[in-house]
N, C-alpha and C. Protein backbone atom coordinates (compact mmCIF):
# COMPACT_ATOMS: atom_id res chain seq x y z
N MET A 1 0.85 -1.17 0.00
CA MET A 1 0.00 0.00 0.00
C MET A 1 0.89 1.22 0.00
N THR A 2 0.81 2.03 -1.04
CA THR A 2 1.70 3.19 -1.19
C THR A 2 1.01 4.47 -0.72
N ILE A 3 1.79 5.27 -0.01
CA ILE A 3 1.31 6.57 0.46
C ILE A 3 2.20 7.65 -0.13
N PHE A 4 1.57 8.61 -0.81
CA PHE A 4 2.26 9.75 -1.40
C PHE A 4 1.93 11.00 -0.60
N GLY A 5 2.85 11.95 -0.61
CA GLY A 5 2.60 13.24 0.03
C GLY A 5 3.87 14.04 0.14
N GLY A 6 3.72 15.27 0.57
CA GLY A 6 4.83 16.22 0.59
C GLY A 6 5.94 15.89 1.56
N SER A 7 7.15 16.15 1.12
CA SER A 7 8.31 15.93 1.98
C SER A 7 8.56 17.12 2.91
N LYS A 8 7.91 18.23 2.65
CA LYS A 8 8.17 19.44 3.43
C LYS A 8 7.23 19.62 4.61
N CYS A 9 6.26 18.75 4.77
CA CYS A 9 5.33 18.94 5.88
C CYS A 9 6.01 18.60 7.20
N ARG A 10 5.59 19.30 8.25
CA ARG A 10 6.19 19.13 9.58
C ARG A 10 5.21 18.47 10.53
N GLU A 11 5.70 18.09 11.69
CA GLU A 11 4.87 17.42 12.69
C GLU A 11 3.66 18.25 13.10
N THR A 12 3.74 19.56 12.97
CA THR A 12 2.64 20.44 13.36
C THR A 12 1.58 20.59 12.27
N ASP A 13 1.82 20.06 11.09
CA ASP A 13 0.88 20.19 9.97
C ASP A 13 -0.19 19.11 10.01
N LEU A 14 -1.37 19.45 9.54
CA LEU A 14 -2.49 18.52 9.49
C LEU A 14 -2.13 17.25 8.72
N GLU A 15 -1.43 17.40 7.60
CA GLU A 15 -1.09 16.24 6.78
C GLU A 15 -0.22 15.24 7.54
N TYR A 16 0.63 15.73 8.41
CA TYR A 16 1.49 14.84 9.18
C TYR A 16 0.62 13.97 10.09
N ALA A 17 -0.28 14.61 10.81
CA ALA A 17 -1.17 13.85 11.71
C ALA A 17 -2.02 12.87 10.93
N GLN A 18 -2.54 13.30 9.78
CA GLN A 18 -3.35 12.40 8.96
C GLN A 18 -2.52 11.21 8.47
N ALA A 19 -1.29 11.46 8.07
CA ALA A 19 -0.44 10.38 7.56
C ALA A 19 -0.07 9.40 8.67
N VAL A 20 0.20 9.90 9.88
CA VAL A 20 0.47 9.00 11.01
C VAL A 20 -0.73 8.08 11.22
N ARG A 21 -1.91 8.67 11.20
CA ARG A 21 -3.14 7.89 11.42
C ARG A 21 -3.37 6.88 10.29
N VAL A 22 -3.16 7.29 9.05
CA VAL A 22 -3.30 6.38 7.91
C VAL A 22 -2.33 5.21 8.06
N GLY A 23 -1.09 5.50 8.38
CA GLY A 23 -0.10 4.44 8.55
C GLY A 23 -0.51 3.46 9.63
N ALA A 24 -0.98 3.98 10.76
CA ALA A 24 -1.41 3.13 11.87
C ALA A 24 -2.59 2.26 11.47
N LEU A 25 -3.60 2.85 10.85
CA LEU A 25 -4.79 2.11 10.45
C LEU A 25 -4.47 1.04 9.41
N LEU A 26 -3.60 1.37 8.47
CA LEU A 26 -3.23 0.38 7.45
C LEU A 26 -2.44 -0.76 8.08
N ALA A 27 -1.52 -0.45 8.98
CA ALA A 27 -0.76 -1.50 9.66
C ALA A 27 -1.69 -2.38 10.47
N ASP A 28 -2.64 -1.77 11.17
CA ASP A 28 -3.62 -2.54 11.95
C ASP A 28 -4.43 -3.48 11.07
N SER A 29 -4.59 -3.10 9.80
CA SER A 29 -5.36 -3.92 8.85
C SER A 29 -4.50 -4.92 8.11
N GLY A 30 -3.21 -4.97 8.43
CA GLY A 30 -2.33 -5.97 7.84
C GLY A 30 -1.62 -5.55 6.56
N PHE A 31 -1.73 -4.30 6.17
CA PHE A 31 -1.06 -3.83 4.96
C PHE A 31 0.41 -3.53 5.23
N THR A 32 1.26 -3.80 4.27
CA THR A 32 2.63 -3.29 4.26
C THR A 32 2.56 -1.87 3.74
N ILE A 33 3.25 -0.96 4.41
CA ILE A 33 3.26 0.45 4.02
C ILE A 33 4.49 0.69 3.16
N CYS A 34 4.27 1.38 2.05
CA CYS A 34 5.37 1.72 1.15
C CYS A 34 5.34 3.22 0.90
N THR A 35 6.49 3.86 1.11
CA THR A 35 6.60 5.29 0.85
C THR A 35 7.91 5.55 0.14
N GLY A 36 8.14 6.81 -0.20
CA GLY A 36 9.42 7.22 -0.77
C GLY A 36 10.55 7.19 0.24
N GLY A 37 10.23 7.02 1.52
CA GLY A 37 11.24 6.74 2.53
C GLY A 37 11.89 7.91 3.24
N TYR A 38 11.52 9.13 2.91
CA TYR A 38 12.22 10.26 3.50
C TYR A 38 11.33 11.02 4.49
N ALA A 39 11.34 12.35 4.44
CA ALA A 39 10.70 13.19 5.46
C ALA A 39 9.23 13.48 5.14
N GLY A 40 8.62 14.30 5.99
CA GLY A 40 7.27 14.78 5.77
C GLY A 40 6.23 13.69 5.88
N VAL A 41 5.33 13.66 4.91
CA VAL A 41 4.25 12.67 4.89
C VAL A 41 4.81 11.25 4.87
N MET A 42 5.91 11.06 4.15
CA MET A 42 6.53 9.73 4.08
C MET A 42 6.95 9.26 5.47
N GLU A 43 7.58 10.15 6.22
CA GLU A 43 7.99 9.83 7.59
C GLU A 43 6.78 9.58 8.48
N ALA A 44 5.78 10.43 8.35
CA ALA A 44 4.60 10.32 9.20
C ALA A 44 3.87 9.00 8.99
N ALA A 45 3.66 8.62 7.74
CA ALA A 45 2.98 7.34 7.46
C ALA A 45 3.82 6.17 7.97
N SER A 46 5.13 6.27 7.75
CA SER A 46 6.04 5.23 8.23
C SER A 46 5.98 5.13 9.75
N ARG A 47 5.97 6.27 10.40
CA ARG A 47 5.91 6.32 11.86
C ARG A 47 4.64 5.66 12.39
N GLY A 48 3.50 6.03 11.82
CA GLY A 48 2.22 5.46 12.25
C GLY A 48 2.20 3.95 12.13
N ALA A 49 2.72 3.44 11.01
CA ALA A 49 2.74 1.99 10.81
C ALA A 49 3.77 1.32 11.72
N HIS A 50 4.93 1.92 11.84
CA HIS A 50 6.00 1.35 12.66
C HIS A 50 5.58 1.25 14.12
N GLU A 51 4.91 2.29 14.62
CA GLU A 51 4.46 2.29 16.01
C GLU A 51 3.42 1.22 16.29
N ARG A 52 2.77 0.72 15.25
CA ARG A 52 1.79 -0.38 15.39
C ARG A 52 2.40 -1.74 15.04
N GLY A 53 3.72 -1.75 14.80
CA GLY A 53 4.39 -3.01 14.50
C GLY A 53 4.27 -3.44 13.06
N GLY A 54 3.91 -2.51 12.19
CA GLY A 54 3.73 -2.85 10.78
C GLY A 54 5.03 -2.89 10.01
N ARG A 55 4.97 -3.51 8.85
CA ARG A 55 6.10 -3.55 7.92
C ARG A 55 6.08 -2.26 7.12
N VAL A 56 7.24 -1.57 7.08
CA VAL A 56 7.33 -0.28 6.42
C VAL A 56 8.51 -0.29 5.44
N VAL A 57 8.19 -0.20 4.16
CA VAL A 57 9.21 -0.24 3.11
C VAL A 57 9.40 1.17 2.56
N GLY A 58 10.66 1.60 2.52
CA GLY A 58 11.00 2.89 1.93
C GLY A 58 11.73 2.67 0.62
N ILE A 59 11.17 3.20 -0.46
CA ILE A 59 11.84 3.13 -1.76
C ILE A 59 12.71 4.39 -1.85
N THR A 60 13.97 4.22 -1.55
CA THR A 60 14.89 5.36 -1.49
C THR A 60 15.56 5.57 -2.85
N MET A 61 16.34 6.65 -2.93
CA MET A 61 16.99 6.97 -4.19
C MET A 61 18.46 7.27 -3.95
N ASN A 62 19.32 6.60 -4.66
CA ASN A 62 20.76 6.77 -4.49
C ASN A 62 21.21 8.20 -4.74
N GLN A 63 20.49 8.96 -5.55
CA GLN A 63 20.88 10.33 -5.87
C GLN A 63 20.65 11.30 -4.72
N PHE A 64 19.78 10.95 -3.76
CA PHE A 64 19.51 11.84 -2.63
C PHE A 64 20.63 11.73 -1.60
N LYS A 65 21.01 12.87 -1.05
CA LYS A 65 22.05 12.90 -0.02
C LYS A 65 21.46 12.71 1.37
N SER A 66 20.18 12.99 1.55
CA SER A 66 19.57 12.92 2.88
C SER A 66 19.35 11.46 3.29
N GLU A 67 19.27 11.27 4.59
CA GLU A 67 19.06 9.94 5.16
C GLU A 67 17.57 9.58 5.15
N PRO A 68 17.24 8.32 4.89
CA PRO A 68 15.85 7.90 4.99
C PRO A 68 15.34 8.05 6.43
N ASN A 69 14.03 8.08 6.59
CA ASN A 69 13.48 8.24 7.94
C ASN A 69 13.73 6.99 8.78
N ARG A 70 13.70 7.17 10.08
CA ARG A 70 14.10 6.12 11.03
C ARG A 70 13.01 5.07 11.27
N TYR A 71 11.84 5.23 10.67
CA TYR A 71 10.74 4.32 10.93
C TYR A 71 10.63 3.17 9.92
N LEU A 72 11.54 3.13 8.98
CA LEU A 72 11.50 2.08 7.95
C LEU A 72 11.97 0.76 8.53
N THR A 73 11.31 -0.32 8.13
CA THR A 73 11.78 -1.65 8.50
C THR A 73 12.58 -2.27 7.35
N GLU A 74 12.46 -1.67 6.17
CA GLU A 74 13.17 -2.16 4.99
C GLU A 74 13.42 -1.00 4.05
N LYS A 75 14.62 -0.95 3.47
CA LYS A 75 14.96 0.08 2.48
C LYS A 75 15.25 -0.60 1.16
N VAL A 76 14.65 -0.08 0.10
CA VAL A 76 14.89 -0.61 -1.24
C VAL A 76 15.46 0.54 -2.07
N PRO A 77 16.77 0.52 -2.33
CA PRO A 77 17.36 1.63 -3.07
C PRO A 77 17.03 1.57 -4.56
N SER A 78 16.88 2.73 -5.16
CA SER A 78 16.68 2.82 -6.60
C SER A 78 17.69 3.80 -7.16
N GLU A 79 18.00 3.65 -8.42
CA GLU A 79 19.03 4.48 -9.05
C GLU A 79 18.57 5.90 -9.33
N ASP A 80 17.30 6.05 -9.70
CA ASP A 80 16.83 7.38 -10.10
C ASP A 80 15.35 7.53 -9.77
N PHE A 81 14.85 8.74 -10.02
CA PHE A 81 13.47 9.07 -9.68
C PHE A 81 12.49 8.17 -10.42
N TYR A 82 12.75 7.90 -11.69
CA TYR A 82 11.82 7.09 -12.48
C TYR A 82 11.71 5.68 -11.92
N GLU A 83 12.86 5.05 -11.64
CA GLU A 83 12.84 3.70 -11.08
C GLU A 83 12.13 3.69 -9.73
N ARG A 84 12.40 4.70 -8.92
CA ARG A 84 11.76 4.81 -7.60
C ARG A 84 10.25 4.90 -7.75
N LEU A 85 9.80 5.76 -8.63
CA LEU A 85 8.37 5.95 -8.83
C LEU A 85 7.72 4.68 -9.38
N GLN A 86 8.38 4.02 -10.31
CA GLN A 86 7.83 2.78 -10.85
C GLN A 86 7.66 1.73 -9.75
N ARG A 87 8.63 1.62 -8.86
CA ARG A 87 8.52 0.65 -7.76
C ARG A 87 7.38 1.02 -6.82
N LEU A 88 7.23 2.30 -6.53
CA LEU A 88 6.14 2.73 -5.66
C LEU A 88 4.78 2.40 -6.27
N ILE A 89 4.70 2.43 -7.57
CA ILE A 89 3.43 2.20 -8.26
C ILE A 89 3.16 0.71 -8.50
N ILE A 90 4.10 0.03 -9.08
CA ILE A 90 3.89 -1.35 -9.52
C ILE A 90 3.67 -2.29 -8.35
N GLN A 91 4.34 -2.07 -7.24
CA GLN A 91 4.30 -3.01 -6.13
C GLN A 91 3.24 -2.66 -5.09
N SER A 92 2.11 -2.10 -5.53
CA SER A 92 1.10 -1.67 -4.57
C SER A 92 -0.30 -2.07 -5.00
N VAL A 93 -1.13 -2.41 -4.01
CA VAL A 93 -2.53 -2.75 -4.28
C VAL A 93 -3.43 -1.52 -4.23
N GLY A 94 -2.86 -0.38 -3.85
CA GLY A 94 -3.63 0.85 -3.78
C GLY A 94 -2.76 2.00 -3.34
N TYR A 95 -3.33 3.21 -3.39
CA TYR A 95 -2.56 4.43 -3.15
C TYR A 95 -3.41 5.42 -2.37
N ILE A 96 -2.76 6.10 -1.45
CA ILE A 96 -3.39 7.24 -0.77
C ILE A 96 -2.45 8.42 -0.95
N ALA A 97 -2.98 9.53 -1.43
CA ALA A 97 -2.18 10.75 -1.61
C ALA A 97 -2.70 11.84 -0.69
N LEU A 98 -1.78 12.42 0.07
CA LEU A 98 -2.08 13.57 0.92
C LEU A 98 -1.49 14.81 0.26
N ARG A 99 -1.82 15.96 0.78
CA ARG A 99 -1.34 17.22 0.21
C ARG A 99 0.17 17.23 0.11
N GLY A 100 0.65 17.69 -1.02
CA GLY A 100 2.08 17.80 -1.26
C GLY A 100 2.34 18.80 -2.36
N GLY A 101 3.50 18.71 -2.96
CA GLY A 101 3.88 19.63 -4.03
C GLY A 101 3.83 18.95 -5.38
N MET A 102 4.70 19.41 -6.26
CA MET A 102 4.69 18.91 -7.63
C MET A 102 5.12 17.45 -7.72
N GLY A 103 5.94 16.99 -6.78
CA GLY A 103 6.29 15.57 -6.75
C GLY A 103 5.05 14.72 -6.53
N THR A 104 4.21 15.15 -5.59
CA THR A 104 2.97 14.42 -5.29
C THR A 104 2.03 14.46 -6.49
N VAL A 105 1.94 15.62 -7.15
CA VAL A 105 1.10 15.73 -8.35
C VAL A 105 1.62 14.80 -9.44
N THR A 106 2.92 14.72 -9.58
CA THR A 106 3.52 13.82 -10.57
C THR A 106 3.16 12.37 -10.26
N GLU A 107 3.27 11.99 -8.99
CA GLU A 107 2.95 10.63 -8.59
C GLU A 107 1.49 10.29 -8.86
N ILE A 108 0.59 11.19 -8.45
CA ILE A 108 -0.83 10.98 -8.70
C ILE A 108 -1.10 10.87 -10.20
N SER A 109 -0.52 11.78 -10.96
CA SER A 109 -0.76 11.81 -12.41
C SER A 109 -0.32 10.52 -13.08
N LEU A 110 0.83 10.00 -12.68
CA LEU A 110 1.31 8.78 -13.31
C LEU A 110 0.44 7.58 -12.94
N VAL A 111 0.08 7.46 -11.68
CA VAL A 111 -0.81 6.37 -11.27
C VAL A 111 -2.15 6.49 -12.00
N TRP A 112 -2.71 7.68 -11.99
CA TRP A 112 -4.01 7.94 -12.63
C TRP A 112 -3.95 7.56 -14.10
N ASN A 113 -2.89 7.98 -14.79
CA ASN A 113 -2.76 7.67 -16.20
C ASN A 113 -2.64 6.17 -16.44
N LYS A 114 -1.90 5.47 -15.59
CA LYS A 114 -1.76 4.02 -15.73
C LYS A 114 -3.10 3.32 -15.49
N LEU A 115 -3.91 3.86 -14.60
CA LEU A 115 -5.24 3.30 -14.37
C LEU A 115 -6.18 3.62 -15.55
N GLN A 116 -6.11 4.83 -16.08
CA GLN A 116 -6.94 5.21 -17.22
C GLN A 116 -6.66 4.35 -18.44
N THR A 117 -5.38 4.10 -18.69
CA THR A 117 -4.99 3.38 -19.89
C THR A 117 -4.95 1.86 -19.67
N ARG A 118 -5.31 1.45 -18.48
CA ARG A 118 -5.35 0.04 -18.09
C ARG A 118 -3.98 -0.65 -18.14
N VAL A 119 -2.93 0.15 -18.02
CA VAL A 119 -1.59 -0.42 -17.84
C VAL A 119 -1.56 -1.11 -16.48
N LEU A 120 -2.30 -0.55 -15.53
CA LEU A 120 -2.51 -1.17 -14.22
C LEU A 120 -3.94 -1.69 -14.15
N GLU A 121 -4.11 -2.86 -13.57
CA GLU A 121 -5.45 -3.35 -13.29
C GLU A 121 -6.10 -2.40 -12.28
N PRO A 122 -7.42 -2.33 -12.25
CA PRO A 122 -8.08 -1.41 -11.31
C PRO A 122 -7.64 -1.63 -9.87
N ARG A 123 -7.39 -0.53 -9.21
CA ARG A 123 -7.05 -0.49 -7.79
C ARG A 123 -7.32 0.92 -7.30
N PRO A 124 -7.50 1.10 -6.01
CA PRO A 124 -7.90 2.41 -5.50
C PRO A 124 -6.78 3.46 -5.51
N LEU A 125 -7.17 4.65 -5.94
CA LEU A 125 -6.32 5.85 -5.84
C LEU A 125 -7.13 6.86 -5.04
N VAL A 126 -6.79 7.00 -3.77
CA VAL A 126 -7.56 7.83 -2.84
C VAL A 126 -6.83 9.14 -2.59
N LEU A 127 -7.53 10.23 -2.80
CA LEU A 127 -6.98 11.56 -2.51
C LEU A 127 -7.57 12.01 -1.18
N LEU A 128 -6.70 12.11 -0.18
CA LEU A 128 -7.13 12.43 1.18
C LEU A 128 -6.91 13.90 1.49
N GLY A 129 -7.98 14.56 1.87
CA GLY A 129 -7.88 15.95 2.30
C GLY A 129 -8.75 16.88 1.48
N ASP A 130 -9.03 18.03 2.07
CA ASP A 130 -9.89 19.03 1.43
C ASP A 130 -9.25 19.74 0.25
N CYS A 131 -7.95 19.61 0.09
CA CYS A 131 -7.28 20.32 -1.00
C CYS A 131 -7.58 19.70 -2.36
N TRP A 132 -7.90 18.41 -2.40
CA TRP A 132 -7.98 17.72 -3.70
C TRP A 132 -9.22 18.03 -4.54
N PRO A 133 -10.43 18.08 -3.99
CA PRO A 133 -11.57 18.37 -4.88
C PRO A 133 -11.43 19.66 -5.69
N PRO A 134 -11.00 20.79 -5.10
CA PRO A 134 -10.84 21.98 -5.94
C PRO A 134 -9.73 21.84 -6.98
N VAL A 135 -8.67 21.12 -6.65
CA VAL A 135 -7.59 20.91 -7.62
C VAL A 135 -8.11 20.10 -8.81
N VAL A 136 -8.80 19.01 -8.51
CA VAL A 136 -9.32 18.16 -9.59
C VAL A 136 -10.38 18.93 -10.39
N ASN A 137 -11.20 19.73 -9.73
CA ASN A 137 -12.17 20.56 -10.45
C ASN A 137 -11.48 21.50 -11.43
N GLU A 138 -10.37 22.08 -11.01
CA GLU A 138 -9.61 22.96 -11.91
C GLU A 138 -9.00 22.18 -13.07
N TRP A 139 -8.53 20.98 -12.80
CA TRP A 139 -8.00 20.14 -13.89
C TRP A 139 -9.10 19.87 -14.90
N GLN A 140 -10.32 19.59 -14.40
CA GLN A 140 -11.44 19.36 -15.32
C GLN A 140 -11.77 20.62 -16.11
N ARG A 141 -11.70 21.74 -15.46
CA ARG A 141 -12.06 23.01 -16.08
C ARG A 141 -11.01 23.45 -17.11
N ARG A 142 -9.75 23.23 -16.80
CA ARG A 142 -8.68 23.82 -17.60
C ARG A 142 -7.92 22.82 -18.48
N LEU A 143 -8.04 21.54 -18.18
CA LEU A 143 -7.35 20.51 -18.96
C LEU A 143 -8.38 19.59 -19.61
N VAL A 144 -7.92 18.57 -20.29
CA VAL A 144 -8.82 17.62 -20.92
C VAL A 144 -8.99 16.44 -19.95
N VAL A 145 -9.76 16.70 -18.90
CA VAL A 145 -10.06 15.71 -17.88
C VAL A 145 -11.58 15.64 -17.78
N ASN A 146 -12.14 14.48 -18.11
CA ASN A 146 -13.60 14.37 -18.10
C ASN A 146 -14.09 13.60 -16.87
N GLU A 147 -15.39 13.47 -16.77
CA GLU A 147 -16.01 12.82 -15.61
C GLU A 147 -15.61 11.34 -15.50
N THR A 148 -15.45 10.68 -16.64
CA THR A 148 -15.01 9.28 -16.62
C THR A 148 -13.62 9.17 -16.00
N ASP A 149 -12.75 10.11 -16.33
CA ASP A 149 -11.41 10.14 -15.75
C ASP A 149 -11.48 10.32 -14.23
N VAL A 150 -12.32 11.23 -13.80
CA VAL A 150 -12.43 11.55 -12.37
C VAL A 150 -13.04 10.39 -11.59
N GLN A 151 -13.87 9.59 -12.24
CA GLN A 151 -14.49 8.45 -11.54
C GLN A 151 -13.47 7.41 -11.10
N ILE A 152 -12.27 7.45 -11.66
CA ILE A 152 -11.20 6.54 -11.23
C ILE A 152 -10.73 6.90 -9.82
N LEU A 153 -10.86 8.17 -9.48
CA LEU A 153 -10.38 8.67 -8.19
C LEU A 153 -11.40 8.46 -7.09
N ASP A 154 -10.90 8.32 -5.87
CA ASP A 154 -11.76 8.36 -4.69
C ASP A 154 -11.28 9.50 -3.82
N PHE A 155 -12.21 10.19 -3.21
CA PHE A 155 -11.88 11.31 -2.33
C PHE A 155 -12.26 10.93 -0.90
N ALA A 156 -11.40 11.29 0.03
CA ALA A 156 -11.66 11.00 1.44
C ALA A 156 -11.34 12.25 2.26
N ARG A 157 -12.16 12.48 3.26
CA ARG A 157 -11.94 13.63 4.14
C ARG A 157 -11.13 13.27 5.38
N THR A 158 -11.18 11.98 5.77
CA THR A 158 -10.49 11.56 6.99
C THR A 158 -9.63 10.33 6.70
N PRO A 159 -8.62 10.10 7.54
CA PRO A 159 -7.84 8.87 7.38
C PRO A 159 -8.70 7.61 7.46
N GLU A 160 -9.69 7.63 8.33
CA GLU A 160 -10.58 6.47 8.47
C GLU A 160 -11.32 6.19 7.16
N ASP A 161 -11.83 7.25 6.53
CA ASP A 161 -12.51 7.09 5.24
C ASP A 161 -11.56 6.55 4.17
N ALA A 162 -10.34 7.09 4.14
CA ALA A 162 -9.36 6.67 3.13
C ALA A 162 -9.04 5.18 3.28
N VAL A 163 -8.81 4.75 4.51
CA VAL A 163 -8.46 3.35 4.75
C VAL A 163 -9.64 2.43 4.47
N ALA A 164 -10.84 2.88 4.78
CA ALA A 164 -12.03 2.07 4.47
C ALA A 164 -12.14 1.86 2.95
N ILE A 165 -11.88 2.89 2.18
CA ILE A 165 -11.92 2.77 0.71
C ILE A 165 -10.86 1.78 0.24
N ILE A 166 -9.65 1.91 0.78
CA ILE A 166 -8.56 1.01 0.41
C ILE A 166 -8.93 -0.43 0.72
N LYS A 167 -9.43 -0.67 1.92
CA LYS A 167 -9.78 -2.03 2.31
C LYS A 167 -10.84 -2.62 1.38
N GLU A 168 -11.83 -1.82 1.04
CA GLU A 168 -12.91 -2.31 0.17
C GLU A 168 -12.44 -2.53 -1.27
N LYS A 169 -11.75 -1.56 -1.82
CA LYS A 169 -11.44 -1.59 -3.25
C LYS A 169 -10.15 -2.33 -3.60
N SER A 170 -9.33 -2.68 -2.61
CA SER A 170 -8.09 -3.38 -2.94
C SER A 170 -8.25 -4.90 -2.84
N ARG A 171 -9.40 -5.35 -2.39
CA ARG A 171 -9.64 -6.81 -2.32
C ARG A 171 -9.49 -7.42 -3.71
N GLY A 172 -8.72 -8.45 -3.78
CA GLY A 172 -8.55 -9.15 -5.05
C GLY A 172 -7.51 -8.57 -5.98
N VAL A 173 -6.90 -7.43 -5.62
CA VAL A 173 -5.85 -6.87 -6.46
C VAL A 173 -4.61 -7.73 -6.30
N VAL A 174 -4.06 -8.15 -7.43
CA VAL A 174 -2.87 -9.00 -7.42
C VAL A 174 -1.70 -8.19 -8.00
N ILE A 175 -0.59 -8.23 -7.29
CA ILE A 175 0.59 -7.51 -7.80
C ILE A 175 1.72 -8.47 -8.15
C-alpha cells in the first residue's frame, strides 16, 4: 500500500497527523506500508505503521544525499526518480495521496494515467484531504479531464474514510 505526500510537511501540519493515522490504520489492517522513505508525509505514514508493529518499506533513491526516515523496516534503493516511482506504483494494491507539491502531483498523475490506460489493473487511488476536490475541479475546467477520468479517483476527508476505501477496493488486487 503506497502513500504519497509532501516531503516538506512538519509534525505540526495537518497532513502529518493524517499520515500518522493512515499508517497506523493500514498497519492494523495488515497492509505493508510503502513510501518514498524520506521526510514529511513519508515519515509520518512510516511512523504510524512502525508504532503499530507494521512492515514499512521505503523506496529510497541513491541520488539523494539525505538519510531515509528512522521508521522504515526495509529500504529498497533505486538508481533514479523514475525507477523509484515505478517501484512505488507497480508493487502496490492501492494508493493514498495527501497534500504535497509537484512531486505528489507527478505521482498521482502517473498512477491515474496508468489506471486510465489500463496499464494497471483497477485499484484504489484515494486523494485524502480538502485540497484535492478543488484541484481536480480545476483540472477538469482547464485541462482535458472528463467525468469518466475523475471516476477513477476516490476522495476521502479523513484517514478512516481513506483506509475504508482502500480495504474495500483493494480486495482481489494482485501484484
